[in-house]
Every structure is written in C-alpha cells, then in structure tokens.
C-alpha cells in the first residue's frame, strides 16, 4: 500500500513582479511540502525580498505581481487586504528582514502576542489559557523563553537581536503551515544563530515548512533540503545544498599591520542607562587610533548598538568621549542623528563630520520619497561644502565601486534590497569624510562578494585617509579584518584582543 507523500503547503507557478519597465521576478516557480526547508539564495538585488512578499500575496508599492501563489489550495494573488489576512491565518507566517516592519512601536510586545494568538485560539477569558500557552511556546521557540520580562517592553527597548527574535515569536504564535523567513539570522551573534538554526530545524521536524530567504550560506547548508538560486529575478539553479553551494569559501585576509599612532578616539568611563534607570553600559574604556579597525562583538543584548549610538552622540551617556582632541557627546544625546549619516557635536575642529554612524536598520535611515543617489550625496554638500554636481559625481563613483549601478541608485529606497541599502548607507557616511566611522552590522544583509567590496572600500579609506572604523558585527568574516576585537557582555567589556579569533 502506497502512503501519501507530504502535503504541498505552498505552490508557485509563473510568478512575475514588475516595477514600471523593470522585471523584478520572471517566471519563478517552486513547491514546498510540509516539514521541508527551501533556501532561496542570490546576490543583493536578486529579488529575494520581492519573492518573500509575493509568497504572502503582497508586494511593495508600485510593484505588480502576476502568476499564481497558492497555499493549501487557496490562491493568494489578487485578494483584497481582509480576504488575504483570512487566507493566510494559520497557514502562512512571515519574518521580515527588518523586525521594525512588524513590531508596533507604541505597544508593549506581550499584548500584541496575545492578540495574534487569539486569531487561532479565540478571544475571551475562556480561551486565555490556550492563548497564554501559545505565547509562551512561541517565545520559547524564538529563543526568548528565559527572558519573560521582554514581553513587558516596547520594541525600542529591545536590542536588534531581541527585536528579531520577538518578530519570530509573533510569526510562530499563530502556528502557520509554512513560514517565510527573510534573513532570519541577520545581526545575531554565533551562539544565538546556532540556537535559531536549531529551533528552525525543530520547527521543520515538527511538520512546519520553511522558506528561507538568505545570503548566509552556512545557515542554508545546515537547514535546507533544497536550494533555489535567484539572479536578476530568475531561477538560475536549484538542487540539494551540496550540489548548488559547493564547499565554503575562505575568509578574507586581514589587512597589513598598522603603524601605531596617537589615539584618535578616547573613551573613559562610558555609561548608559535606560529610561527606567536600568544600566545598559557601565565603565566602558576604549581607544581607537587613526587607520585602526576595532570590531565589537558579543551576544544580542550585550550593549553593542547602545555603545555605537553613545559614541556617535545619539544616546545620553555619562563618562568622557574625546575625538581628535576635543570632548563631545556631553550626555544630552542631542548631538547626532541616526539617519545613517550620524554625527557628533563639536570637538577637535571636526564638527559634525567627526563621527558618522551607520544604522543597523538601514531602511529606516532613508527617506522614502527621494532617490537614493540624492540622499547619499547630501552629506558631501552639507558637511564638506561641495557643489551638488560634484557631490553627486563623487557619490556615483563610490557607489559604483560598491557594486551599485547608476540605474539602481536613481531609484527610491523602497525599490532596493536590504543589501543594496546597506552599501548605500556606508557610502553616505564615507562621503562625509569622517574621522571615525561606526558601522552597526553593516554587512549583515550582504552576500560574500558584496561584503568583500564593502570591506575593501573601508580598508582603502583606512589606508588613504586615516579613517578609524568601529565595526559592530557578529559575522566572523567581517570581524576577521579588524586589528582588535572588543567583546561586550551585559553592558561591560568582557575582553579586548589584539587579534581577531578568526585570524589566529
């Protein structure tokens, strides 16, 4: 007697996506069965995020979808918002690349989880126990079971990694048949990444299908049953991970040793507290020399982003921060901007050019209505006094070196992928010609080739301009290019190594 195979929970046929005359997806087809993991890979701008939205029956503004996307026999394309929500309920879940898209900024996370659980388990007091169990289970599977107090916080009170795991919990609480995950390990430290991969594997083993949109080849190798390779919006290859991906690529070599010089950045006794008085950073001392690259690592919630924002003058703090001989960031938090071209408040004669900060959530650092090129060129006009034409010329040249064509950067931010916007964010900061660049997970959405382009450009700026770089990262290949590694844990320095572990 023949037993039926796994049920098909997601079926895509002839899927297209167009934005004006541009084809973002072209004749994409795929099938996902219960309990199976499909990894979709490709370079930045290949169409992965567009595909992820299409699998939900959605698209960005100005994008038109064609073809068919069916889940458990129900067609998603062409449905109105209310009908689409009903069709997806308990069937399709989504973890976006940027958790801020799904985390309500004005509500505590716990009540939101309870409302989502009510979609499946019902509302009212009689169903409260079922909802509570579903919420607790989702938090546990997302890696937040040991931190129940996080459900009492607002999203802005969570670290980047905690926000991502909370978004995953919101996805899992409705127990969907298939989950579409867009870069689920982006910005997570190695220990947390291992935990997330383990939980996703357990989810698949329990019968939930996963569609993994990623540039992380290691995660794809560990999780996927099948790999689909996208390039230019088309499926160019598919098969098992070993066949499609091959062996892991070697890590990039470290730059040549620096020549020691006077410290450019000196930080003494830096401390930051949350609004309720909880210490986020305590007693942080560090120095950064001209041309030096310092990598800051540590588990999610250790205080890495808080440190970066404090050094850029974007968070109130205690202690002293001196750049190029001038004290700045007195603790008011009023000296900077988290627009991706961050700043400092005076000191050392460098003014707002002294420190530039590249935000972890690069999409939120761009205005929706202006072309990317205009926004990248703007710091060169405002902070360096260049004529607009010269600033745009410099911006185009730098963006081209980072693999972003003139056609690409003429678009608005919503038409670019996360990886493309990451590179544009770094370009914008570099065009200010700062003394110090603080980059928060600036390679997290990049494939290997584009990561190398970006790191090479930073190495050039360090060598030619004396730029000091502070890299906040969990990525071993990114950390490996640093001269030193500073490890944070629970808001304190846990270690300061003169050589990255990946280079030993």
Protein backbone atom coordinates (compact mmCIF):
# COMPACT_ATOMS: atom_id res chain seq x y z
CA UNK A 1 0.00 0.00 0.00
CA UNK A 2 1.42 3.37 -1.03
CA UNK A 3 1.33 6.06 1.63
CA UNK A 4 0.68 9.64 0.51
CA UNK A 5 3.72 11.92 0.49
CA UNK A 6 3.99 15.15 2.46
CA UNK A 7 1.25 17.67 1.75
CA UNK A 8 2.09 20.59 -0.52
CA UNK A 9 1.62 23.72 1.60
CA UNK A 10 2.92 26.31 -0.88
CA UNK A 11 2.87 26.22 -4.68
CA UNK A 12 4.12 28.97 -7.00
CA UNK A 13 3.69 28.95 -10.78
CA UNK A 14 4.84 31.53 -13.35
CA UNK A 15 5.37 34.24 -10.74
CA UNK A 16 6.34 37.67 -12.10
CA UNK A 17 6.94 41.03 -10.44
CA UNK A 18 7.38 44.27 -12.33
CA UNK A 19 8.03 47.87 -11.30
CA UNK A 20 7.35 50.01 -14.33
CA UNK A 21 9.52 48.58 -17.10
CA UNK A 22 11.80 46.74 -14.64
CA UNK A 23 11.29 42.99 -14.19
CA UNK A 24 11.99 42.11 -10.55
CA UNK A 25 10.86 38.47 -10.84
CA UNK A 26 10.49 36.50 -14.07
CA UNK A 27 8.65 33.15 -14.32
CA UNK A 28 9.54 31.88 -10.85
CA UNK A 29 8.14 28.50 -9.84
CA UNK A 30 8.55 26.45 -6.67
CA UNK A 31 6.81 23.89 -4.49
CA UNK A 32 7.21 23.48 -0.73
CA UNK A 33 6.00 20.44 1.19
CA UNK A 34 5.18 20.15 4.89
CA UNK A 35 8.29 19.80 7.04
CA UNK A 36 10.67 20.75 4.21
CA UNK A 37 13.09 23.69 4.12
CA UNK A 38 13.67 25.60 0.89
CA UNK A 39 16.54 28.11 0.92
CA UNK A 40 16.41 30.91 -1.65
CA UNK A 41 19.81 32.49 -2.27
CA UNK A 42 21.26 35.07 -4.59
CA UNK A 43 23.25 38.31 -4.64
CA UNK A 44 21.87 41.56 -3.23
CA UNK A 45 19.10 42.79 -5.53
CA UNK A 46 18.42 39.35 -7.00
CA UNK A 47 14.77 39.51 -5.94
CA UNK A 48 14.77 37.51 -2.71
CA UNK A 49 12.78 40.02 -0.64
CA UNK A 50 10.38 40.65 -3.53
CA UNK A 51 9.79 36.90 -3.74
CA UNK A 52 9.27 36.71 0.01
CA UNK A 53 6.49 39.31 -0.13
CA UNK A 54 4.94 37.65 -3.19
CA UNK A 55 4.72 34.36 -1.28
CA UNK A 56 2.45 36.25 1.12
CA UNK A 57 0.36 37.66 -1.72
CA UNK A 58 1.89 41.10 -1.13
CA UNK A 59 4.19 43.50 -2.95
CA UNK A 60 5.88 46.84 -2.38
CA UNK A 61 4.19 50.00 -3.64
CA UNK A 62 4.49 50.26 -7.41
CA UNK A 63 5.20 46.55 -7.90
CA UNK A 64 2.71 44.44 -9.89
CA UNK A 65 2.52 40.67 -9.40
CA UNK A 66 1.45 38.05 -11.92
CA UNK A 67 1.19 34.27 -11.97
CA UNK A 68 -0.05 32.10 -9.12
CA UNK A 69 0.76 31.67 -5.41
CA UNK A 70 -1.35 29.03 -3.67
CA UNK A 71 -1.25 27.87 -0.06
CA UNK A 72 -3.19 24.76 0.94
CA UNK A 73 -5.15 25.15 -2.30
CA UNK A 74 -6.06 28.82 -1.79
CA UNK A 75 -4.91 31.42 -4.33
CA UNK A 76 -3.35 34.47 -2.63
CA UNK A 77 -2.68 36.78 -5.57
CA UNK A 78 -5.45 39.24 -6.30
CA UNK A 79 -7.10 39.09 -2.87
CA UNK A 80 -8.04 42.26 -1.01
CA UNK A 81 -6.42 43.02 2.36
CA UNK A 82 -9.16 41.47 4.53
CA UNK A 83 -9.52 38.35 2.37
CA UNK A 84 -5.75 37.97 2.24
CA UNK A 85 -5.47 38.08 6.04
CA UNK A 86 -8.16 35.40 6.33
CA UNK A 87 -6.50 33.22 3.69
CA UNK A 88 -3.11 33.38 5.43
CA UNK A 89 -4.34 32.93 9.01
CA UNK A 90 -2.83 29.76 10.43
CA UNK A 91 -1.35 28.92 7.03
CA UNK A 92 1.44 31.37 6.13
CA UNK A 93 3.69 33.25 8.53
CA UNK A 94 6.37 35.81 7.73
CA UNK A 95 9.53 37.01 9.44
CA UNK A 96 10.71 40.14 7.58
CA UNK A 97 14.31 41.19 7.17
CA UNK A 98 13.72 44.26 9.36
CA UNK A 99 11.71 43.48 12.52
CA UNK A 100 10.60 47.09 12.84
CA UNK A 101 8.16 46.40 10.00
CA UNK A 102 6.03 44.12 12.20
CA UNK A 103 6.76 45.35 15.73
CA UNK A 104 4.26 48.03 16.79
CA UNK A 105 6.40 50.89 18.16
CA UNK A 106 3.69 52.23 20.51
CA UNK A 107 2.61 48.94 22.11
CA UNK A 108 4.26 46.53 24.50
CA UNK A 109 5.13 43.25 22.85
CA UNK A 110 3.17 40.96 25.18
CA UNK A 111 -0.36 42.22 24.38
CA UNK A 112 0.44 42.06 20.66
CA UNK A 113 1.42 38.40 21.02
CA UNK A 114 -1.84 37.71 22.87
CA UNK A 115 -3.89 39.31 20.08
CA UNK A 116 -2.10 37.25 17.45
CA UNK A 117 -2.69 34.07 19.45
CA UNK A 118 -6.40 34.92 19.51
CA UNK A 119 -6.52 34.56 15.71
CA UNK A 120 -6.05 30.80 16.16
CA UNK A 121 -7.16 30.12 19.73
CA UNK A 122 -10.01 32.59 20.11
CA UNK A 123 -10.54 35.61 22.34
CA UNK A 124 -12.23 35.99 25.70
CA UNK A 125 -11.47 34.67 29.17
CA UNK A 126 -12.41 31.10 28.35
CA UNK A 127 -9.57 30.86 25.85
CA UNK A 128 -6.99 32.76 27.91
CA UNK A 129 -5.12 29.62 28.99
CA UNK A 130 -4.76 28.44 25.38
CA UNK A 131 -3.51 31.87 24.29
CA UNK A 132 -1.04 32.06 27.16
CA UNK A 133 0.32 28.61 26.33
CA UNK A 134 0.68 29.58 22.66
CA UNK A 135 2.52 32.79 23.57
CA UNK A 136 4.87 31.00 25.97
CA UNK A 137 5.56 28.31 23.37
CA UNK A 138 6.28 30.91 20.67
CA UNK A 139 8.64 32.83 22.95
CA UNK A 140 10.45 29.62 23.84
CA UNK A 141 10.85 28.55 20.20
CA UNK A 142 12.08 32.03 19.29
CA UNK A 143 14.76 31.92 21.99
CA UNK A 144 13.11 34.32 24.45
CA UNK A 145 11.73 31.80 26.93
CA UNK A 146 14.36 32.69 29.52
CA UNK A 147 13.51 36.40 29.29
CA UNK A 148 9.76 36.71 30.01
CA UNK A 149 10.14 40.36 31.08
CA UNK A 150 10.81 41.29 27.46
CA UNK A 151 7.08 40.89 26.83
CA UNK A 152 6.56 43.95 29.07
CA UNK A 153 8.79 46.18 26.95
CA UNK A 154 8.24 48.33 23.89
CA UNK A 155 10.18 47.38 20.73
CA UNK A 156 12.60 50.31 21.08
CA UNK A 157 13.65 48.92 24.47
CA UNK A 158 14.88 45.69 22.86
CA UNK A 159 18.25 45.14 21.22
CA UNK A 160 18.38 44.43 17.49
CA UNK A 161 18.71 40.70 18.10
CA UNK A 162 15.88 40.71 20.64
CA UNK A 163 13.65 42.58 18.20
CA UNK A 164 14.33 39.97 15.56
CA UNK A 165 13.51 37.10 17.91
CA UNK A 166 10.37 38.87 19.12
CA UNK A 167 9.27 39.23 15.50
CA UNK A 168 9.89 35.49 15.08
CA UNK A 169 7.74 34.80 18.14
CA UNK A 170 4.92 36.86 16.58
CA UNK A 171 5.22 34.72 13.47
CA UNK A 172 5.17 31.41 15.33
CA UNK A 173 2.32 32.21 17.72
CA UNK A 174 -0.31 31.53 15.02
CA UNK A 175 1.19 28.07 14.26
CA UNK A 176 1.37 28.53 10.45
CA UNK A 177 1.81 25.65 7.98
CA UNK A 178 4.67 27.48 6.24
CA UNK A 179 6.90 30.31 7.41
CA UNK A 180 8.69 32.67 5.03
CA UNK A 181 11.85 33.93 6.74
CA UNK A 182 13.78 36.84 5.22
CA UNK A 183 17.38 36.76 6.56
CA UNK A 184 16.40 35.19 9.93
CA UNK A 185 19.98 35.10 11.28
CA UNK A 186 20.93 38.65 10.27
CA UNK A 187 22.53 40.55 13.15
CA UNK A 188 22.64 37.58 15.52
CA UNK A 189 25.78 36.52 17.36
CA UNK A 190 27.11 32.99 16.60
CA UNK A 191 25.66 31.46 19.77
CA UNK A 192 22.21 32.91 19.10
CA UNK A 193 22.47 31.95 15.42
CA UNK A 194 23.13 28.35 16.42
CA UNK A 195 20.11 28.46 18.71
CA UNK A 196 17.87 29.93 16.00
CA UNK A 197 19.04 27.35 13.46
CA UNK A 198 18.34 24.60 15.98
CA UNK A 199 14.86 25.93 16.67
CA UNK A 200 14.06 26.28 12.99
CA UNK A 201 15.26 22.72 12.41
CA UNK A 202 12.97 21.57 15.21
CA UNK A 203 10.12 23.54 13.68
CA UNK A 204 10.64 21.76 10.36
CA UNK A 205 10.93 18.41 12.10
CA UNK A 206 7.52 19.10 13.62
CA UNK A 207 5.98 19.47 10.17
CA UNK A 208 6.20 23.23 9.52
CA UNK A 209 7.55 24.13 6.09
CA UNK A 210 10.15 26.89 5.88
CA UNK A 211 11.14 29.18 3.01
CA UNK A 212 14.48 30.68 3.95
CA UNK A 213 15.49 33.84 2.05
CA UNK A 214 19.14 34.37 2.90
CA UNK A 215 22.67 35.19 1.85
CA UNK A 216 24.05 33.12 4.76
CA UNK A 217 25.45 30.05 3.03
CA UNK A 218 26.30 28.31 6.31
CA UNK A 219 22.72 28.59 7.54
CA UNK A 220 21.45 27.32 4.18
CA UNK A 221 23.81 24.34 4.31
CA UNK A 222 22.67 23.45 7.82
CA UNK A 223 18.93 23.82 7.31
CA UNK A 224 17.89 23.41 3.70
CA UNK A 225 16.56 20.32 1.97
CA UNK A 226 16.62 22.20 -1.34
CA UNK A 227 18.35 25.37 -2.55
CA UNK A 228 16.99 27.72 -5.20
CA UNK A 229 19.42 30.27 -6.64
CA UNK A 230 17.99 33.60 -7.90
CA UNK A 231 19.83 36.08 -10.09
CA UNK A 232 18.22 39.01 -11.87
CA UNK A 233 14.80 37.83 -10.73
CA UNK A 234 15.11 34.43 -12.43
CA UNK A 235 15.75 30.95 -11.06
CA UNK A 236 19.18 30.06 -12.42
CA UNK A 237 19.79 26.87 -10.44
CA UNK A 238 18.14 24.55 -7.96
CA UNK A 239 19.05 21.34 -6.18
CA UNK A 240 20.42 19.98 -2.92
CA UNK A 241 22.73 22.29 -0.91
CA UNK A 242 25.94 20.35 -1.55
CA UNK A 243 25.42 20.48 -5.32
CA UNK A 244 24.33 24.12 -5.59
CA UNK A 245 26.55 25.71 -2.94
CA UNK A 246 29.73 23.65 -3.04
CA UNK A 247 32.37 23.96 -0.27
CA UNK A 248 32.58 27.05 1.98
CA UNK A 249 34.65 29.97 0.66
CA UNK A 250 37.79 31.06 2.56
CA UNK A 251 37.58 34.10 4.80
CA UNK A 252 39.11 37.37 3.58
CA UNK A 253 42.68 38.09 4.63
CA UNK A 254 43.38 40.68 7.29
CA UNK A 255 44.95 43.97 6.24
CA UNK A 256 48.64 44.59 6.85
CA UNK A 257 49.55 45.56 10.43
CA UNK A 258 49.08 49.26 11.22
CA UNK A 259 51.71 51.71 12.29
CA UNK A 260 50.98 52.76 15.87
CA UNK A 261 49.84 56.35 16.33
CA UNK A 262 48.22 58.69 18.83
CA UNK A 263 44.67 57.69 19.79
CA UNK A 264 42.03 59.44 17.70
CA UNK A 265 39.10 58.31 19.86
CA UNK A 266 39.46 58.05 23.65
CA UNK A 267 36.53 56.81 25.75
CA UNK A 268 36.67 56.83 29.55
CA UNK A 269 34.06 55.54 31.99
CA UNK A 270 31.23 55.47 29.46
CA UNK A 271 27.88 54.58 30.95
CA UNK A 272 24.32 54.46 29.56
CA UNK A 273 21.06 53.84 31.40
CA UNK A 274 17.59 53.02 30.13
CA UNK A 275 14.69 55.37 30.86
CA UNK A 276 13.81 53.29 33.94
CA UNK A 277 17.37 53.54 35.26
CA UNK A 278 18.48 50.05 34.22
CA UNK A 279 22.20 50.14 33.34
CA UNK A 280 22.83 49.28 29.69
CA UNK A 281 26.55 50.10 29.64
CA UNK A 282 28.90 50.52 32.60
CA UNK A 283 32.51 51.64 32.87
CA UNK A 284 33.47 51.26 29.21
CA UNK A 285 37.01 52.41 28.37
CA UNK A 286 38.46 52.16 24.87
CA UNK A 287 40.76 53.86 22.39
CA UNK A 288 40.82 53.90 18.61
CA UNK A 289 43.77 55.11 16.54
CA UNK A 290 43.87 56.65 13.08
CA UNK A 291 43.52 53.95 10.46
CA UNK A 292 42.60 51.31 13.02
CA UNK A 293 39.66 48.92 12.79
CA UNK A 294 38.09 47.76 16.05
CA UNK A 295 35.42 45.05 15.94
CA UNK A 296 32.84 44.98 18.73
CA UNK A 297 31.21 41.61 19.34
CA UNK A 298 29.03 39.99 21.96
CA UNK A 299 25.67 38.29 22.38
CA UNK A 300 22.43 40.01 21.44
CA UNK A 301 21.51 42.48 24.16
CA UNK A 302 25.11 42.92 25.34
CA UNK A 303 25.06 46.65 24.57
CA UNK A 304 26.82 46.82 21.21
CA UNK A 305 24.32 49.09 19.47
CA UNK A 306 23.98 51.20 22.62
CA UNK A 307 27.76 51.68 22.61
CA UNK A 308 27.78 52.70 18.96
CA UNK A 309 24.97 55.21 19.42
CA UNK A 310 26.59 56.69 22.53
CA UNK A 311 29.93 57.14 20.77
CA UNK A 312 28.13 58.89 17.89
CA UNK A 313 26.39 61.29 20.28
CA UNK A 314 22.99 59.71 19.65
CA UNK A 315 22.30 58.43 23.18
CA UNK A 316 22.55 60.23 26.55
CA UNK A 317 25.53 58.92 28.48
CA UNK A 318 27.95 59.54 31.31
CA UNK A 319 31.73 59.50 31.02
CA UNK A 320 34.06 61.16 28.54
CA UNK A 321 34.27 60.71 24.77
CA UNK A 322 37.09 62.58 23.03
CA UNK A 323 37.59 62.67 19.25
CA UNK A 324 40.70 64.24 17.75
CA UNK A 325 41.47 66.03 20.99
CA UNK A 326 38.02 67.54 21.50
CA UNK A 327 35.40 66.38 24.01
CA UNK A 328 31.91 65.83 22.65
CA UNK A 329 28.70 63.94 23.41
CA UNK A 330 28.33 65.51 26.86
CA UNK A 331 25.40 63.27 27.68
CA UNK A 332 22.46 65.24 26.35
CA UNK A 333 22.14 62.93 23.38
CA UNK A 334 21.38 65.94 21.21
CA UNK A 335 24.48 65.94 19.12
CA UNK A 336 23.70 63.39 16.47
CA UNK A 337 21.27 61.83 14.08
CA UNK A 338 20.53 58.20 13.34
CA UNK A 339 19.74 58.92 9.70
CA UNK A 340 22.66 56.82 8.57
CA UNK A 341 24.91 59.81 8.28
CA UNK A 342 25.07 60.35 12.08
CA UNK A 343 27.26 62.99 13.68
CA UNK A 344 28.96 64.42 16.71
CA UNK A 345 28.55 67.72 18.48
CA UNK A 346 31.72 69.62 18.05
CA UNK A 347 35.21 68.92 19.29
CA UNK A 348 38.62 68.80 17.68
CA UNK A 349 37.63 71.25 14.97
CA UNK A 350 35.89 68.48 13.04
CA UNK A 351 32.29 69.48 13.84
CA UNK A 352 29.51 67.14 12.70
CA UNK A 353 31.91 65.33 10.35
CA UNK A 354 33.92 63.86 13.23
CA UNK A 355 31.84 60.71 13.72
CA UNK A 356 29.50 59.05 11.25
CA UNK A 357 27.12 56.29 12.31
CA UNK A 358 25.66 53.63 10.00
CA UNK A 359 22.39 52.41 11.46
CA UNK A 360 21.67 48.70 11.91
CA UNK A 361 18.24 49.13 10.29
CA UNK A 362 19.44 50.82 7.11
CA UNK A 363 15.96 51.03 5.56
CA UNK A 364 14.70 53.32 8.31
CA UNK A 365 17.68 55.62 7.66
CA UNK A 366 16.43 56.65 4.20
CA UNK A 367 13.56 58.94 3.20
CA UNK A 368 11.03 57.05 1.11
CA UNK A 369 10.34 59.80 -1.44
CA UNK A 370 13.85 60.77 -2.57
CA UNK A 371 16.20 58.89 -4.93
CA UNK A 372 18.98 57.03 -3.15
CA UNK A 373 21.71 58.90 -5.03
CA UNK A 374 20.46 62.28 -3.79
CA UNK A 375 20.47 61.06 -0.19
CA UNK A 376 23.92 59.50 -0.44
CA UNK A 377 25.39 62.70 -1.92
CA UNK A 378 23.78 65.02 0.62
CA UNK A 379 26.46 64.80 3.40
CA UNK A 380 29.15 65.88 0.91
CA UNK A 381 27.09 69.02 0.24
CA UNK A 382 26.10 69.81 3.83
CA UNK A 383 29.25 68.76 5.69
CA UNK A 384 32.00 69.34 3.12
CA UNK A 385 30.52 72.21 1.15
CA UNK A 386 30.80 70.51 -2.25
CA UNK A 387 28.63 71.75 -5.12
CA UNK A 388 25.69 69.43 -5.75
CA UNK A 389 27.06 68.27 -9.11
CA UNK A 390 30.45 67.38 -7.60
CA UNK A 391 28.83 65.61 -4.65
CA UNK A 392 26.65 63.53 -6.97
CA UNK A 393 29.69 62.66 -9.10
CA UNK A 394 31.66 61.52 -6.03
CA UNK A 395 28.64 59.55 -4.80
CA UNK A 396 28.16 57.78 -8.14
CA UNK A 397 31.83 56.78 -8.26
CA UNK A 398 31.80 55.39 -4.71
CA UNK A 399 28.50 53.58 -5.19
CA UNK A 400 29.82 52.03 -8.41
CA UNK A 401 32.84 50.68 -6.50
CA UNK A 402 30.40 49.12 -4.07
CA UNK A 403 28.55 47.37 -6.89
CA UNK A 404 25.59 49.77 -7.16
CA UNK A 405 24.88 50.96 -10.70
CA UNK A 406 23.68 54.44 -11.66
CA UNK A 407 20.33 52.92 -12.63
CA UNK A 408 19.96 51.27 -9.22
CA UNK A 409 20.72 54.37 -7.14
CA UNK A 410 18.40 56.52 -9.25
CA UNK A 411 15.53 54.58 -7.64
CA UNK A 412 13.80 55.27 -4.36
CA UNK A 413 14.79 53.26 -1.26
CA UNK A 414 11.72 51.03 -1.39
CA UNK A 415 12.88 49.64 -4.73
CA UNK A 416 16.26 48.49 -3.37
CA UNK A 417 17.08 45.37 -1.39
CA UNK A 418 18.37 45.45 2.17
CA UNK A 419 21.88 44.63 0.99
CA UNK A 420 21.84 47.44 -1.56
CA UNK A 421 20.68 49.93 1.07
CA UNK A 422 23.39 48.75 3.46
CA UNK A 423 26.05 49.60 0.91
CA UNK A 424 24.39 52.93 0.17
CA UNK A 425 24.33 53.73 3.91
CA UNK A 426 28.06 53.11 4.21
CA UNK A 427 28.72 55.19 1.08
CA UNK A 428 26.73 58.09 2.52
CA UNK A 429 28.74 58.01 5.74
CA UNK A 430 32.07 57.79 3.88
CA UNK A 431 31.23 60.80 1.72
CA UNK A 432 31.20 62.97 4.85
CA UNK A 433 34.93 62.14 5.21
CA UNK A 434 34.65 61.48 8.97
CA UNK A 435 37.46 60.83 11.41
CA UNK A 436 35.58 57.85 12.86
CA UNK A 437 33.04 55.56 11.19
CA UNK A 438 30.79 53.43 13.38
CA UNK A 439 29.10 50.69 11.38
CA UNK A 440 26.40 48.65 13.14
CA UNK A 441 26.02 45.27 11.38
CA UNK A 442 26.85 46.93 8.05
CA UNK A 443 27.49 43.61 6.28
CA UNK A 444 24.60 41.61 7.77
CA UNK A 445 22.50 41.60 4.56
CA UNK A 446 25.38 41.18 2.11
CA UNK A 447 26.43 38.12 0.15
CA UNK A 448 30.12 37.21 0.17
CA UNK A 449 31.08 39.12 -2.97
CA UNK A 450 29.45 42.39 -1.93
CA UNK A 451 30.74 42.05 1.62
CA UNK A 452 34.27 41.91 0.21
CA UNK A 453 33.62 45.03 -1.90
CA UNK A 454 32.48 46.95 1.15
CA UNK A 455 35.32 45.77 3.40
CA UNK A 456 37.85 46.58 0.67
CA UNK A 457 36.46 50.12 0.44
CA UNK A 458 36.75 50.56 4.20
CA UNK A 459 40.32 49.26 4.05
CA UNK A 460 41.12 51.82 1.33
CA UNK A 461 39.69 54.67 3.44
CA UNK A 462 41.69 53.49 6.45
CA UNK A 463 44.89 53.34 4.42
CA UNK A 464 44.49 56.53 2.37
CA UNK A 465 42.50 58.81 4.69
CA UNK A 466 43.38 57.51 8.16
CA UNK A 467 39.74 56.63 8.81
CA UNK A 468 39.20 54.86 12.13
CA UNK A 469 36.49 52.20 11.94
CA UNK A 470 34.43 50.62 14.69
CA UNK A 471 32.62 47.55 13.31
CA UNK A 472 29.75 46.15 15.34
CA UNK A 473 29.30 42.66 13.93
CA UNK A 474 28.54 39.02 14.57
CA UNK A 475 29.92 37.92 11.20
CA UNK A 476 33.27 36.07 11.57
CA UNK A 477 34.39 37.09 8.06
CA UNK A 478 33.78 40.75 8.90
CA UNK A 479 35.39 40.56 12.34
CA UNK A 480 38.44 38.88 10.79
CA UNK A 481 39.54 42.11 9.06
CA UNK A 482 39.77 44.04 12.35
CA UNK A 483 43.01 44.91 14.14
CA UNK A 484 41.42 44.33 17.53
CA UNK A 485 38.24 42.75 18.88
CA UNK A 486 36.34 44.15 21.85
CA UNK A 487 33.90 41.71 23.43
CA UNK A 488 30.89 43.05 25.33
CA UNK A 489 28.74 41.11 27.78
CA UNK A 490 25.98 42.52 29.98
CA UNK A 491 27.00 46.07 29.17
CA UNK A 492 30.64 45.66 30.19
CA UNK A 493 33.88 44.90 28.37
CA UNK A 494 34.48 41.17 28.68
CA UNK A 495 37.65 41.07 26.60
CA UNK A 496 39.94 43.12 24.36
CA UNK A 497 42.04 41.01 21.97
CA UNK A 498 44.80 42.42 19.82
CA UNK A 499 43.96 39.94 17.06
CA UNK A 500 40.59 38.54 15.92
CA UNK A 501 39.96 34.91 16.79
CA UNK A 502 39.32 34.24 13.11
CA UNK A 503 42.88 35.29 12.28
CA UNK A 504 44.66 33.11 14.81
